[in-house]
């Protein structure tokens, strides 16, 4: 049986995996935003400006879709289930903070100066 070569994980996929792992642990929104800052700093240290800008655009699109989905899910949560409502709101808040951090990173002066 021939061994299969492992494909390198795309940096965007690795970032999404990191963010998803944090979201599943229900971390605070500010921690999600800080993780985005760390990821973007890693990208900027290793990649060309255009590559980082493109990657931030992709990440923004994916997170915007996630926020829209989370908003819809929040609307479906039964108000008589306080734990479920609290979890849905926490997830939404984390996604909104993450999206905001990506937006700020895309607009940051160091992004334009690179």
PDB file of N, CA and C in Angstrom:
ATOM      1  N   UNK A   1       0.842  -1.165   0.000  1.00  0.00           N
ATOM      2  CA  UNK A   1       0.000   0.000   0.000  1.00  0.00           C
ATOM      3  C   UNK A   1       0.893   1.237   0.000  1.00  0.00           C
ATOM      4  N   UNK A   2       0.703   2.096  -0.957  1.00  0.00           N
ATOM      5  CA  UNK A   2       1.521   3.303  -1.074  1.00  0.00           C
ATOM      6  C   UNK A   2       1.089   4.325  -0.026  1.00  0.00           C
ATOM      7  N   UNK A   3       2.070   4.997   0.531  1.00  0.00           N
ATOM      8  CA  UNK A   3       1.723   6.018   1.517  1.00  0.00           C
ATOM      9  C   UNK A   3       1.277   7.289   0.802  1.00  0.00           C
ATOM     10  N   UNK A   4       0.318   7.922   1.385  1.00  0.00           N
ATOM     11  CA  UNK A   4      -0.203   9.149   0.797  1.00  0.00           C
ATOM     12  C   UNK A   4       0.576  10.332   1.352  1.00  0.00           C
ATOM     13  N   UNK A   5       0.869  11.274   0.462  1.00  0.00           N
ATOM     14  CA  UNK A   5       1.518  12.503   0.903  1.00  0.00           C
ATOM     15  C   UNK A   5       0.479  13.373   1.590  1.00  0.00           C
ATOM     16  N   UNK A   6       0.878  13.937   2.690  1.00  0.00           N
ATOM     17  CA  UNK A   6      -0.030  14.847   3.374  1.00  0.00           C
ATOM     18  C   UNK A   6       0.079  16.216   2.714  1.00  0.00           C
ATOM     19  N   UNK A   7      -1.072  16.761   2.385  1.00  0.00           N
ATOM     20  CA  UNK A   7      -1.094  18.099   1.814  1.00  0.00           C
ATOM     21  C   UNK A   7      -0.920  19.116   2.925  1.00  0.00           C
ATOM     22  N   UNK A   8      -0.217  20.170   2.587  1.00  0.00           N
ATOM     23  CA  UNK A   8      -0.062  21.259   3.547  1.00  0.00           C
ATOM     24  C   UNK A   8      -1.418  21.913   3.769  1.00  0.00           C
ATOM     25  N   UNK A   9      -1.679  22.257   4.992  1.00  0.00           N
ATOM     26  CA  UNK A   9      -2.930  22.917   5.339  1.00  0.00           C
ATOM     27  C   UNK A   9      -2.820  24.386   4.927  1.00  0.00           C
ATOM     28  N   UNK A  10      -3.833  24.862   4.236  1.00  0.00           N
ATOM     29  CA  UNK A  10      -3.847  26.270   3.851  1.00  0.00           C
ATOM     30  C   UNK A  10      -3.895  27.130   5.106  1.00  0.00           C
ATOM     31  N   UNK A  11      -3.146  28.222   5.123  1.00  0.00           N
ATOM     32  CA  UNK A  11      -3.161  29.091   6.304  1.00  0.00           C
ATOM     33  C   UNK A  11      -4.562  29.557   6.686  1.00  0.00           C
ATOM     34  N   UNK A  12      -5.411  29.812   5.705  1.00  0.00           N
ATOM     35  CA  UNK A  12      -6.781  30.225   6.000  1.00  0.00           C
ATOM     36  C   UNK A  12      -7.532  29.112   6.725  1.00  0.00           C
ATOM     37  N   UNK A  13      -7.368  27.876   6.263  1.00  0.00           N
ATOM     38  CA  UNK A  13      -8.021  26.741   6.919  1.00  0.00           C
ATOM     39  C   UNK A  13      -7.499  26.546   8.336  1.00  0.00           C
ATOM     40  N   UNK A  14      -6.190  26.707   8.505  1.00  0.00           N
ATOM     41  CA  UNK A  14      -5.603  26.580   9.846  1.00  0.00           C
ATOM     42  C   UNK A  14      -6.160  27.656  10.779  1.00  0.00           C
ATOM     43  N   UNK A  15      -6.309  28.864  10.260  1.00  0.00           N
ATOM     44  CA  UNK A  15      -6.859  29.955  11.071  1.00  0.00           C
ATOM     45  C   UNK A  15      -8.301  29.663  11.460  1.00  0.00           C
ATOM     46  N   UNK A  16      -9.080  29.204  10.506  1.00  0.00           N
ATOM     47  CA  UNK A  16     -10.478  28.875  10.810  1.00  0.00           C
ATOM     48  C   UNK A  16     -10.580  27.767  11.847  1.00  0.00           C
ATOM     49  N   UNK A  17      -9.692  26.791  11.761  1.00  0.00           N
ATOM     50  CA  UNK A  17      -9.678  25.704  12.737  1.00  0.00           C
ATOM     51  C   UNK A  17      -9.363  26.243  14.131  1.00  0.00           C
ATOM     52  N   UNK A  18      -8.384  27.136  14.218  1.00  0.00           N
ATOM     53  CA  UNK A  18      -8.030  27.739  15.504  1.00  0.00           C
ATOM     54  C   UNK A  18      -9.206  28.521  16.085  1.00  0.00           C
ATOM     55  N   UNK A  19      -9.838  29.316  15.239  1.00  0.00           N
ATOM     56  CA  UNK A  19     -10.959  30.135  15.705  1.00  0.00           C
ATOM     57  C   UNK A  19     -12.150  29.269  16.093  1.00  0.00           C
ATOM     58  N   UNK A  20     -12.390  28.223  15.329  1.00  0.00           N
ATOM     59  CA  UNK A  20     -13.499  27.323  15.643  1.00  0.00           C
ATOM     60  C   UNK A  20     -13.263  26.617  16.975  1.00  0.00           C
ATOM     61  N   UNK A  21     -12.031  26.196  17.212  1.00  0.00           N
ATOM     62  CA  UNK A  21     -11.719  25.520  18.477  1.00  0.00           C
ATOM     63  C   UNK A  21     -11.988  26.442  19.660  1.00  0.00           C
ATOM     64  N   UNK A  22     -11.635  27.712  19.523  1.00  0.00           N
ATOM     65  CA  UNK A  22     -11.903  28.665  20.604  1.00  0.00           C
ATOM     66  C   UNK A  22     -13.400  28.886  20.775  1.00  0.00           C
ATOM     67  N   UNK A  23     -14.102  29.030  19.661  1.00  0.00           N
ATOM     68  CA  UNK A  23     -15.546  29.252  19.737  1.00  0.00           C
ATOM     69  C   UNK A  23     -16.251  28.073  20.401  1.00  0.00           C
ATOM     70  N   UNK A  24     -15.787  26.865  20.129  1.00  0.00           N
ATOM     71  CA  UNK A  24     -16.400  25.673  20.718  1.00  0.00           C
ATOM     72  C   UNK A  24     -16.162  25.619  22.223  1.00  0.00           C
ATOM     73  N   UNK A  25     -15.098  26.275  22.675  1.00  0.00           N
ATOM     74  CA  UNK A  25     -14.823  26.327  24.122  1.00  0.00           C
ATOM     75  C   UNK A  25     -15.516  27.511  24.772  1.00  0.00           C
ATOM     76  N   UNK A  26     -16.298  28.246  23.976  1.00  0.00           N
ATOM     77  CA  UNK A  26     -17.077  29.381  24.469  1.00  0.00           C
ATOM     78  C   UNK A  26     -16.200  30.441  25.140  1.00  0.00           C
ATOM     79  N   UNK A  27     -15.092  30.781  24.483  1.00  0.00           N
ATOM     80  CA  UNK A  27     -14.235  31.827  25.043  1.00  0.00           C
ATOM     81  C   UNK A  27     -14.891  33.190  24.842  1.00  0.00           C
ATOM     82  N   UNK A  28     -14.441  34.144  25.595  1.00  0.00           N
ATOM     83  CA  UNK A  28     -14.986  35.501  25.540  1.00  0.00           C
ATOM     84  C   UNK A  28     -14.678  36.161  24.183  1.00  0.00           C
ATOM     85  N   UNK A  29     -15.546  37.069  23.753  1.00  0.00           N
ATOM     86  CA  UNK A  29     -15.334  37.740  22.469  1.00  0.00           C
ATOM     87  C   UNK A  29     -13.970  38.428  22.341  1.00  0.00           C
ATOM     88  N   UNK A  30     -13.506  39.069  23.423  1.00  0.00           N
ATOM     89  CA  UNK A  30     -12.205  39.740  23.336  1.00  0.00           C
ATOM     90  C   UNK A  30     -11.066  38.745  23.097  1.00  0.00           C
ATOM     91  N   UNK A  31     -11.215  37.525  23.572  1.00  0.00           N
ATOM     92  CA  UNK A  31     -10.197  36.486  23.337  1.00  0.00           C
ATOM     93  C   UNK A  31     -10.214  36.056  21.874  1.00  0.00           C
ATOM     94  N   UNK A  32     -11.390  35.997  21.287  1.00  0.00           N
ATOM     95  CA  UNK A  32     -11.506  35.670  19.862  1.00  0.00           C
ATOM     96  C   UNK A  32     -10.827  36.752  19.023  1.00  0.00           C
ATOM     97  N   UNK A  33     -11.080  38.000  19.370  1.00  0.00           N
ATOM     98  CA  UNK A  33     -10.471  39.114  18.636  1.00  0.00           C
ATOM     99  C   UNK A  33      -8.953  39.082  18.787  1.00  0.00           C
ATOM    100  N   UNK A  34      -8.479  38.766  19.977  1.00  0.00           N
ATOM    101  CA  UNK A  34      -7.029  38.685  20.198  1.00  0.00           C
ATOM    102  C   UNK A  34      -6.407  37.578  19.364  1.00  0.00           C
ATOM    103  N   UNK A  35      -7.117  36.463  19.219  1.00  0.00           N
ATOM    104  CA  UNK A  35      -6.605  35.369  18.394  1.00  0.00           C
ATOM    105  C   UNK A  35      -6.505  35.802  16.931  1.00  0.00           C
ATOM    106  N   UNK A  36      -7.469  36.571  16.469  1.00  0.00           N
ATOM    107  CA  UNK A  36      -7.385  37.101  15.102  1.00  0.00           C
ATOM    108  C   UNK A  36      -6.137  37.965  14.967  1.00  0.00           C
ATOM    109  N   UNK A  37      -5.874  38.825  15.943  1.00  0.00           N
ATOM    110  CA  UNK A  37      -4.683  39.673  15.901  1.00  0.00           C
ATOM    111  C   UNK A  37      -3.406  38.830  15.810  1.00  0.00           C
ATOM    112  N   UNK A  38      -3.359  37.736  16.551  1.00  0.00           N
ATOM    113  CA  UNK A  38      -2.194  36.849  16.539  1.00  0.00           C
ATOM    114  C   UNK A  38      -2.046  36.200  15.165  1.00  0.00           C
ATOM    115  N   UNK A  39      -3.138  35.707  14.630  1.00  0.00           N
ATOM    116  CA  UNK A  39      -3.118  35.055  13.317  1.00  0.00           C
ATOM    117  C   UNK A  39      -2.655  36.031  12.239  1.00  0.00           C
ATOM    118  N   UNK A  40      -3.210  37.231  12.250  1.00  0.00           N
ATOM    119  CA  UNK A  40      -2.857  38.229  11.240  1.00  0.00           C
ATOM    120  C   UNK A  40      -1.380  38.617  11.365  1.00  0.00           C
ATOM    121  N   UNK A  41      -0.896  38.762  12.579  1.00  0.00           N
ATOM    122  CA  UNK A  41       0.528  39.080  12.773  1.00  0.00           C
ATOM    123  C   UNK A  41       1.405  37.973  12.200  1.00  0.00           C
ATOM    124  N   UNK A  42       1.012  36.729  12.386  1.00  0.00           N
ATOM    125  CA  UNK A  42       1.770  35.603  11.812  1.00  0.00           C
ATOM    126  C   UNK A  42       1.759  35.669  10.298  1.00  0.00           C
ATOM    127  N   UNK A  43       0.594  35.945   9.725  1.00  0.00           N
ATOM    128  CA  UNK A  43       0.499  36.045   8.266  1.00  0.00           C
ATOM    129  C   UNK A  43       1.377  37.176   7.737  1.00  0.00           C
ATOM    130  N   UNK A  44       1.301  38.321   8.393  1.00  0.00           N
ATOM    131  CA  UNK A  44       2.079  39.483   7.928  1.00  0.00           C
ATOM    132  C   UNK A  44       3.577  39.239   8.025  1.00  0.00           C
ATOM    133  N   UNK A  45       3.999  38.476   9.008  1.00  0.00           N
ATOM    134  CA  UNK A  45       5.422  38.177   9.164  1.00  0.00           C
ATOM    135  C   UNK A  45       5.928  37.205   8.099  1.00  0.00           C
ATOM    136  N   UNK A  46       5.026  36.396   7.560  1.00  0.00           N
ATOM    137  CA  UNK A  46       5.453  35.333   6.649  1.00  0.00           C
ATOM    138  C   UNK A  46       5.043  35.531   5.188  1.00  0.00           C
ATOM    139  N   UNK A  47       4.170  36.477   4.923  1.00  0.00           N
ATOM    140  CA  UNK A  47       3.588  36.582   3.582  1.00  0.00           C
ATOM    141  C   UNK A  47       3.706  37.984   3.001  1.00  0.00           C
ATOM    142  N   UNK A  48       3.536  38.046   1.693  1.00  0.00           N
ATOM    143  CA  UNK A  48       3.480  39.315   0.982  1.00  0.00           C
ATOM    144  C   UNK A  48       2.179  40.042   1.315  1.00  0.00           C
ATOM    145  N   UNK A  49       2.189  41.352   1.151  1.00  0.00           N
ATOM    146  CA  UNK A  49       1.028  42.184   1.446  1.00  0.00           C
ATOM    147  C   UNK A  49      -0.221  41.705   0.707  1.00  0.00           C
ATOM    148  N   UNK A  50      -0.100  41.472  -0.604  1.00  0.00           N
ATOM    149  CA  UNK A  50      -1.274  41.070  -1.394  1.00  0.00           C
ATOM    150  C   UNK A  50      -1.846  39.736  -0.931  1.00  0.00           C
ATOM    151  N   UNK A  51      -0.996  38.825  -0.532  1.00  0.00           N
ATOM    152  CA  UNK A  51      -1.447  37.528  -0.047  1.00  0.00           C
ATOM    153  C   UNK A  51      -2.244  37.686   1.245  1.00  0.00           C
ATOM    154  N   UNK A  52      -1.730  38.487   2.148  1.00  0.00           N
ATOM    155  CA  UNK A  52      -2.409  38.717   3.428  1.00  0.00           C
ATOM    156  C   UNK A  52      -3.734  39.433   3.191  1.00  0.00           C
ATOM    157  N   UNK A  53      -3.719  40.434   2.331  1.00  0.00           N
ATOM    158  CA  UNK A  53      -4.946  41.180   2.037  1.00  0.00           C
ATOM    159  C   UNK A  53      -6.014  40.261   1.452  1.00  0.00           C
ATOM    160  N   UNK A  54      -5.614  39.406   0.529  1.00  0.00           N
ATOM    161  CA  UNK A  54      -6.556  38.463  -0.078  1.00  0.00           C
ATOM    162  C   UNK A  54      -7.095  37.487   0.964  1.00  0.00           C
ATOM    163  N   UNK A  55      -6.211  36.981   1.798  1.00  0.00           N
ATOM    164  CA  UNK A  55      -6.609  36.039   2.839  1.00  0.00           C
ATOM    165  C   UNK A  55      -7.572  36.693   3.835  1.00  0.00           C
ATOM    166  N   UNK A  56      -7.305  37.944   4.202  1.00  0.00           N
ATOM    167  CA  UNK A  56      -8.208  38.664   5.098  1.00  0.00           C
ATOM    168  C   UNK A  56      -9.575  38.855   4.456  1.00  0.00           C
ATOM    169  N   UNK A  57      -9.591  39.100   3.163  1.00  0.00           N
ATOM    170  CA  UNK A  57     -10.860  39.230   2.452  1.00  0.00           C
ATOM    171  C   UNK A  57     -11.661  37.942   2.492  1.00  0.00           C
ATOM    172  N   UNK A  58     -10.977  36.815   2.261  1.00  0.00           N
ATOM    173  CA  UNK A  58     -11.648  35.512   2.321  1.00  0.00           C
ATOM    174  C   UNK A  58     -12.169  35.228   3.730  1.00  0.00           C
ATOM    175  N   UNK A  59     -11.327  35.500   4.717  1.00  0.00           N
ATOM    176  CA  UNK A  59     -11.716  35.261   6.102  1.00  0.00           C
ATOM    177  C   UNK A  59     -12.917  36.132   6.470  1.00  0.00           C
ATOM    178  N   UNK A  60     -12.904  37.375   6.035  1.00  0.00           N
ATOM    179  CA  UNK A  60     -14.016  38.282   6.306  1.00  0.00           C
ATOM    180  C   UNK A  60     -15.316  37.740   5.709  1.00  0.00           C
ATOM    181  N   UNK A  61     -15.264  37.277   4.466  1.00  0.00           N
ATOM    182  CA  UNK A  61     -16.459  36.728   3.816  1.00  0.00           C
ATOM    183  C   UNK A  61     -17.006  35.520   4.572  1.00  0.00           C
ATOM    184  N   UNK A  62     -16.113  34.619   4.956  1.00  0.00           N
ATOM    185  CA  UNK A  62     -16.544  33.427   5.673  1.00  0.00           C
ATOM    186  C   UNK A  62     -17.153  33.769   7.029  1.00  0.00           C
ATOM    187  N   UNK A  63     -16.514  34.693   7.737  1.00  0.00           N
ATOM    188  CA  UNK A  63     -17.034  35.080   9.048  1.00  0.00           C
ATOM    189  C   UNK A  63     -18.344  35.854   8.933  1.00  0.00           C
ATOM    190  N   UNK A  64     -18.473  36.679   7.907  1.00  0.00           N
ATOM    191  CA  UNK A  64     -19.725  37.409   7.715  1.00  0.00           C
ATOM    192  C   UNK A  64     -20.876  36.423   7.490  1.00  0.00           C
ATOM    193  N   UNK A  65     -20.616  35.379   6.725  1.00  0.00           N
ATOM    194  CA  UNK A  65     -21.634  34.348   6.522  1.00  0.00           C
ATOM    195  C   UNK A  65     -21.933  33.631   7.840  1.00  0.00           C
ATOM    196  N   UNK A  66     -20.900  33.383   8.629  1.00  0.00           N
ATOM    197  CA  UNK A  66     -21.090  32.745   9.935  1.00  0.00           C
ATOM    198  C   UNK A  66     -21.910  33.592  10.885  1.00  0.00           C
ATOM    199  N   UNK A  67     -21.668  34.888  10.860  1.00  0.00           N
ATOM    200  CA  UNK A  67     -22.446  35.800  11.709  1.00  0.00           C
ATOM    201  C   UNK A  67     -23.908  35.785  11.276  1.00  0.00           C
ATOM    202  N   UNK A  68     -24.140  35.835   9.974  1.00  0.00           N
ATOM    203  CA  UNK A  68     -25.523  35.807   9.476  1.00  0.00           C
ATOM    204  C   UNK A  68     -26.224  34.511   9.894  1.00  0.00           C
ATOM    205  N   UNK A  69     -25.517  33.397   9.776  1.00  0.00           N
ATOM    206  CA  UNK A  69     -26.088  32.112  10.203  1.00  0.00           C
ATOM    207  C   UNK A  69     -26.372  32.103  11.701  1.00  0.00           C
ATOM    208  N   UNK A  70     -25.431  32.629  12.484  1.00  0.00           N
ATOM    209  CA  UNK A  70     -25.603  32.652  13.940  1.00  0.00           C
ATOM    210  C   UNK A  70     -26.775  33.547  14.332  1.00  0.00           C
ATOM    211  N   UNK A  71     -26.934  34.678  13.646  1.00  0.00           N
ATOM    212  CA  UNK A  71     -28.072  35.555  13.931  1.00  0.00           C
ATOM    213  C   UNK A  71     -29.387  34.827  13.661  1.00  0.00           C
ATOM    214  N   UNK A  72     -29.409  34.078  12.580  1.00  0.00           N
ATOM    215  CA  UNK A  72     -30.619  33.311  12.258  1.00  0.00           C
ATOM    216  C   UNK A  72     -30.879  32.247  13.322  1.00  0.00           C
ATOM    217  N   UNK A  73     -29.833  31.567  13.742  1.00  0.00           N
ATOM    218  CA  UNK A  73     -29.988  30.527  14.761  1.00  0.00           C
ATOM    219  C   UNK A  73     -30.477  31.104  16.086  1.00  0.00           C
ATOM    220  N   UNK A  74     -29.978  32.284  16.435  1.00  0.00           N
ATOM    221  CA  UNK A  74     -30.425  32.935  17.674  1.00  0.00           C
ATOM    222  C   UNK A  74     -31.926  33.187  17.617  1.00  0.00           C
ATOM    223  N   UNK A  75     -32.412  33.558  16.453  1.00  0.00           N
ATOM    224  CA  UNK A  75     -33.841  33.846  16.333  1.00  0.00           C
ATOM    225  C   UNK A  75     -34.698  32.588  16.496  1.00  0.00           C
ATOM    226  N   UNK A  76     -34.108  31.423  16.285  1.00  0.00           N
ATOM    227  CA  UNK A  76     -34.857  30.170  16.409  1.00  0.00           C
ATOM    228  C   UNK A  76     -34.816  29.573  17.812  1.00  0.00           C
ATOM    229  N   UNK A  77     -33.936  30.085  18.663  1.00  0.00           N
ATOM    230  CA  UNK A  77     -33.787  29.524  20.004  1.00  0.00           C
ATOM    231  C   UNK A  77     -35.026  29.837  20.832  1.00  0.00           C
ATOM    232  N   UNK A  78     -35.510  28.830  21.483  1.00  0.00           N
ATOM    233  CA  UNK A  78     -36.701  28.960  22.341  1.00  0.00           C
ATOM    234  C   UNK A  78     -36.335  29.778  23.582  1.00  0.00           C
ATOM    235  N   UNK A  79     -37.066  30.849  23.792  1.00  0.00           N
ATOM    236  CA  UNK A  79     -36.812  31.729  24.942  1.00  0.00           C
ATOM    237  C   UNK A  79     -37.007  31.007  26.265  1.00  0.00           C
ATOM    238  N   UNK A  80     -37.729  29.913  26.248  1.00  0.00           N
ATOM    239  CA  UNK A  80     -37.947  29.143  27.472  1.00  0.00           C
ATOM    240  C   UNK A  80     -36.773  28.215  27.786  1.00  0.00           C
ATOM    241  N   UNK A  81     -35.766  28.237  26.940  1.00  0.00           N
ATOM    242  CA  UNK A  81     -34.535  27.457  27.151  1.00  0.00           C
ATOM    243  C   UNK A  81     -33.402  28.442  27.409  1.00  0.00           C
ATOM    244  N   UNK A  82     -33.275  28.956  28.626  1.00  0.00           N
ATOM    245  CA  UNK A  82     -32.289  30.004  28.891  1.00  0.00           C
ATOM    246  C   UNK A  82     -30.840  29.591  28.612  1.00  0.00           C
ATOM    247  N   UNK A  83     -30.505  28.344  28.879  1.00  0.00           N
ATOM    248  CA  UNK A  83     -29.129  27.907  28.626  1.00  0.00           C
ATOM    249  C   UNK A  83     -28.820  27.938  27.130  1.00  0.00           C
ATOM    250  N   UNK A  84     -29.755  27.479  26.330  1.00  0.00           N
ATOM    251  CA  UNK A  84     -29.566  27.481  24.882  1.00  0.00           C
ATOM    252  C   UNK A  84     -29.497  28.903  24.348  1.00  0.00           C
ATOM    253  N   UNK A  85     -30.347  29.766  24.869  1.00  0.00           N
ATOM    254  CA  UNK A  85     -30.344  31.163  24.429  1.00  0.00           C
ATOM    255  C   UNK A  85     -29.029  31.845  24.808  1.00  0.00           C
ATOM    256  N   UNK A  86     -28.554  31.559  26.006  1.00  0.00           N
ATOM    257  CA  UNK A  86     -27.287  32.145  26.460  1.00  0.00           C
ATOM    258  C   UNK A  86     -26.129  31.658  25.586  1.00  0.00           C
ATOM    259  N   UNK A  87     -26.101  30.381  25.279  1.00  0.00           N
ATOM    260  CA  UNK A  87     -25.039  29.826  24.431  1.00  0.00           C
ATOM    261  C   UNK A  87     -25.089  30.421  23.026  1.00  0.00           C
ATOM    262  N   UNK A  88     -26.285  30.539  22.476  1.00  0.00           N
ATOM    263  CA  UNK A  88     -26.425  31.098  21.131  1.00  0.00           C
ATOM    264  C   UNK A  88     -25.963  32.554  21.101  1.00  0.00           C
ATOM    265  N   UNK A  89     -26.314  33.315  22.116  1.00  0.00           N
ATOM    266  CA  UNK A  89     -25.885  34.710  22.187  1.00  0.00           C
ATOM    267  C   UNK A  89     -24.373  34.820  22.352  1.00  0.00           C
ATOM    268  N   UNK A  90     -23.799  33.935  23.159  1.00  0.00           N
ATOM    269  CA  UNK A  90     -22.343  33.951  23.371  1.00  0.00           C
ATOM    270  C   UNK A  90     -21.605  33.621  22.077  1.00  0.00           C
ATOM    271  N   UNK A  91     -22.108  32.651  21.354  1.00  0.00           N
ATOM    272  CA  UNK A  91     -21.485  32.278  20.077  1.00  0.00           C
ATOM    273  C   UNK A  91     -21.580  33.436  19.092  1.00  0.00           C
ATOM    274  N   UNK A  92     -22.742  34.045  19.019  1.00  0.00           N
ATOM    275  CA  UNK A  92     -22.924  35.190  18.129  1.00  0.00           C
ATOM    276  C   UNK A  92     -21.976  36.321  18.508  1.00  0.00           C
ATOM    277  N   UNK A  93     -21.869  36.622  19.785  1.00  0.00           N
ATOM    278  CA  UNK A  93     -20.976  37.694  20.236  1.00  0.00           C
ATOM    279  C   UNK A  93     -19.526  37.395  19.875  1.00  0.00           C
ATOM    280  N   UNK A  94     -19.115  36.151  20.017  1.00  0.00           N
ATOM    281  CA  UNK A  94     -17.747  35.765  19.658  1.00  0.00           C
ATOM    282  C   UNK A  94     -17.511  35.924  18.165  1.00  0.00           C
ATOM    283  N   UNK A  95     -18.477  35.522  17.358  1.00  0.00           N
ATOM    284  CA  UNK A  95     -18.335  35.665  15.907  1.00  0.00           C
ATOM    285  C   UNK A  95     -18.307  37.130  15.486  1.00  0.00           C
ATOM    286  N   UNK A  96     -19.149  37.942  16.106  1.00  0.00           N
ATOM    287  CA  UNK A  96     -19.166  39.369  15.781  1.00  0.00           C
ATOM    288  C   UNK A  96     -17.824  40.004  16.149  1.00  0.00           C
ATOM    289  N   UNK A  97     -17.274  39.657  17.296  1.00  0.00           N
ATOM    290  CA  UNK A  97     -15.967  40.182  17.704  1.00  0.00           C
ATOM    291  C   UNK A  97     -14.870  39.731  16.762  1.00  0.00           C
ATOM    292  N   UNK A  98     -14.949  38.497  16.319  1.00  0.00           N
ATOM    293  CA  UNK A  98     -13.958  37.965  15.386  1.00  0.00           C
ATOM    294  C   UNK A  98     -14.040  38.692  14.055  1.00  0.00           C
ATOM    295  N   UNK A  99     -15.240  38.877  13.569  1.00  0.00           N
ATOM    296  CA  UNK A  99     -15.440  39.602  12.314  1.00  0.00           C
ATOM    297  C   UNK A  99     -14.925  41.035  12.430  1.00  0.00           C
ATOM    298  N   UNK A 100     -15.210  41.682  13.536  1.00  0.00           N
ATOM    299  CA  UNK A 100     -14.719  43.040  13.750  1.00  0.00           C
ATOM    300  C   UNK A 100     -13.200  43.113  13.765  1.00  0.00           C
ATOM    301  N   UNK A 101     -12.572  42.138  14.373  1.00  0.00           N
ATOM    302  CA  UNK A 101     -11.108  42.111  14.415  1.00  0.00           C
ATOM    303  C   UNK A 101     -10.520  41.922  13.030  1.00  0.00           C
ATOM    304  N   UNK A 102     -11.150  41.099  12.218  1.00  0.00           N
ATOM    305  CA  UNK A 102     -10.680  40.908  10.834  1.00  0.00           C
ATOM    306  C   UNK A 102     -10.839  42.214  10.058  1.00  0.00           C
ATOM    307  N   UNK A 103     -11.961  42.884  10.246  1.00  0.00           N
ATOM    308  CA  UNK A 103     -12.202  44.165   9.566  1.00  0.00           C
ATOM    309  C   UNK A 103     -11.148  45.190   9.970  1.00  0.00           C
ATOM    310  N   UNK A 104     -10.866  45.284  11.271  1.00  0.00           N
ATOM    311  CA  UNK A 104      -9.849  46.232  11.740  1.00  0.00           C
ATOM    312  C   UNK A 104      -8.474  45.893  11.179  1.00  0.00           C
ATOM    313  N   UNK A 105      -8.158  44.604  11.108  1.00  0.00           N
ATOM    314  CA  UNK A 105      -6.860  44.190  10.573  1.00  0.00           C
ATOM    315  C   UNK A 105      -6.733  44.577   9.100  1.00  0.00           C
ATOM    316  N   UNK A 106      -7.814  44.426   8.361  1.00  0.00           N
ATOM    317  CA  UNK A 106      -7.792  44.767   6.937  1.00  0.00           C
ATOM    318  C   UNK A 106      -7.626  46.276   6.724  1.00  0.00           C
ATOM    319  N   UNK A 107      -8.108  47.062   7.676  1.00  0.00           N
ATOM    320  CA  UNK A 107      -8.064  48.517   7.556  1.00  0.00           C
ATOM    321  C   UNK A 107      -6.872  49.130   8.282  1.00  0.00           C
ATOM    322  N   UNK A 108      -6.075  48.313   8.969  1.00  0.00           N
ATOM    323  CA  UNK A 108      -4.974  48.809   9.801  1.00  0.00           C
ATOM    324  C   UNK A 108      -3.909  49.516   8.959  1.00  0.00           C
ATOM    325  N   UNK A 109      -3.284  50.564   9.517  1.00  0.00           N
ATOM    326  CA  UNK A 109      -2.229  51.284   8.793  1.00  0.00           C
ATOM    327  C   UNK A 109      -1.088  50.376   8.364  1.00  0.00           C
ATOM    328  N   UNK A 110      -0.736  49.392   9.191  1.00  0.00           N
ATOM    329  CA  UNK A 110       0.378  48.507   8.812  1.00  0.00           C
ATOM    330  C   UNK A 110       0.017  47.658   7.602  1.00  0.00           C
ATOM    331  N   UNK A 111      -1.282  47.431   7.374  1.00  0.00           N
ATOM    332  CA  UNK A 111      -1.706  46.695   6.179  1.00  0.00           C
ATOM    333  C   UNK A 111      -1.469  47.559   4.943  1.00  0.00           C
ATOM    334  N   UNK A 112      -1.718  48.864   5.050  1.00  0.00           N
ATOM    335  CA  UNK A 112      -1.553  49.750   3.915  1.00  0.00           C
ATOM    336  C   UNK A 112      -0.079  50.065   3.678  1.00  0.00           C
ATOM    337  N   UNK A 113       0.728  50.065   4.755  1.00  0.00           N
ATOM    338  CA  UNK A 113       2.132  50.408   4.620  1.00  0.00           C
ATOM    339  C   UNK A 113       2.995  49.263   4.143  1.00  0.00           C
ATOM    340  N   UNK A 114       2.489  48.045   4.246  1.00  0.00           N
ATOM    341  CA  UNK A 114       3.307  46.874   3.884  1.00  0.00           C
ATOM    342  C   UNK A 114       3.594  46.815   2.411  1.00  0.00           C
TER     343      UNK A 114
END
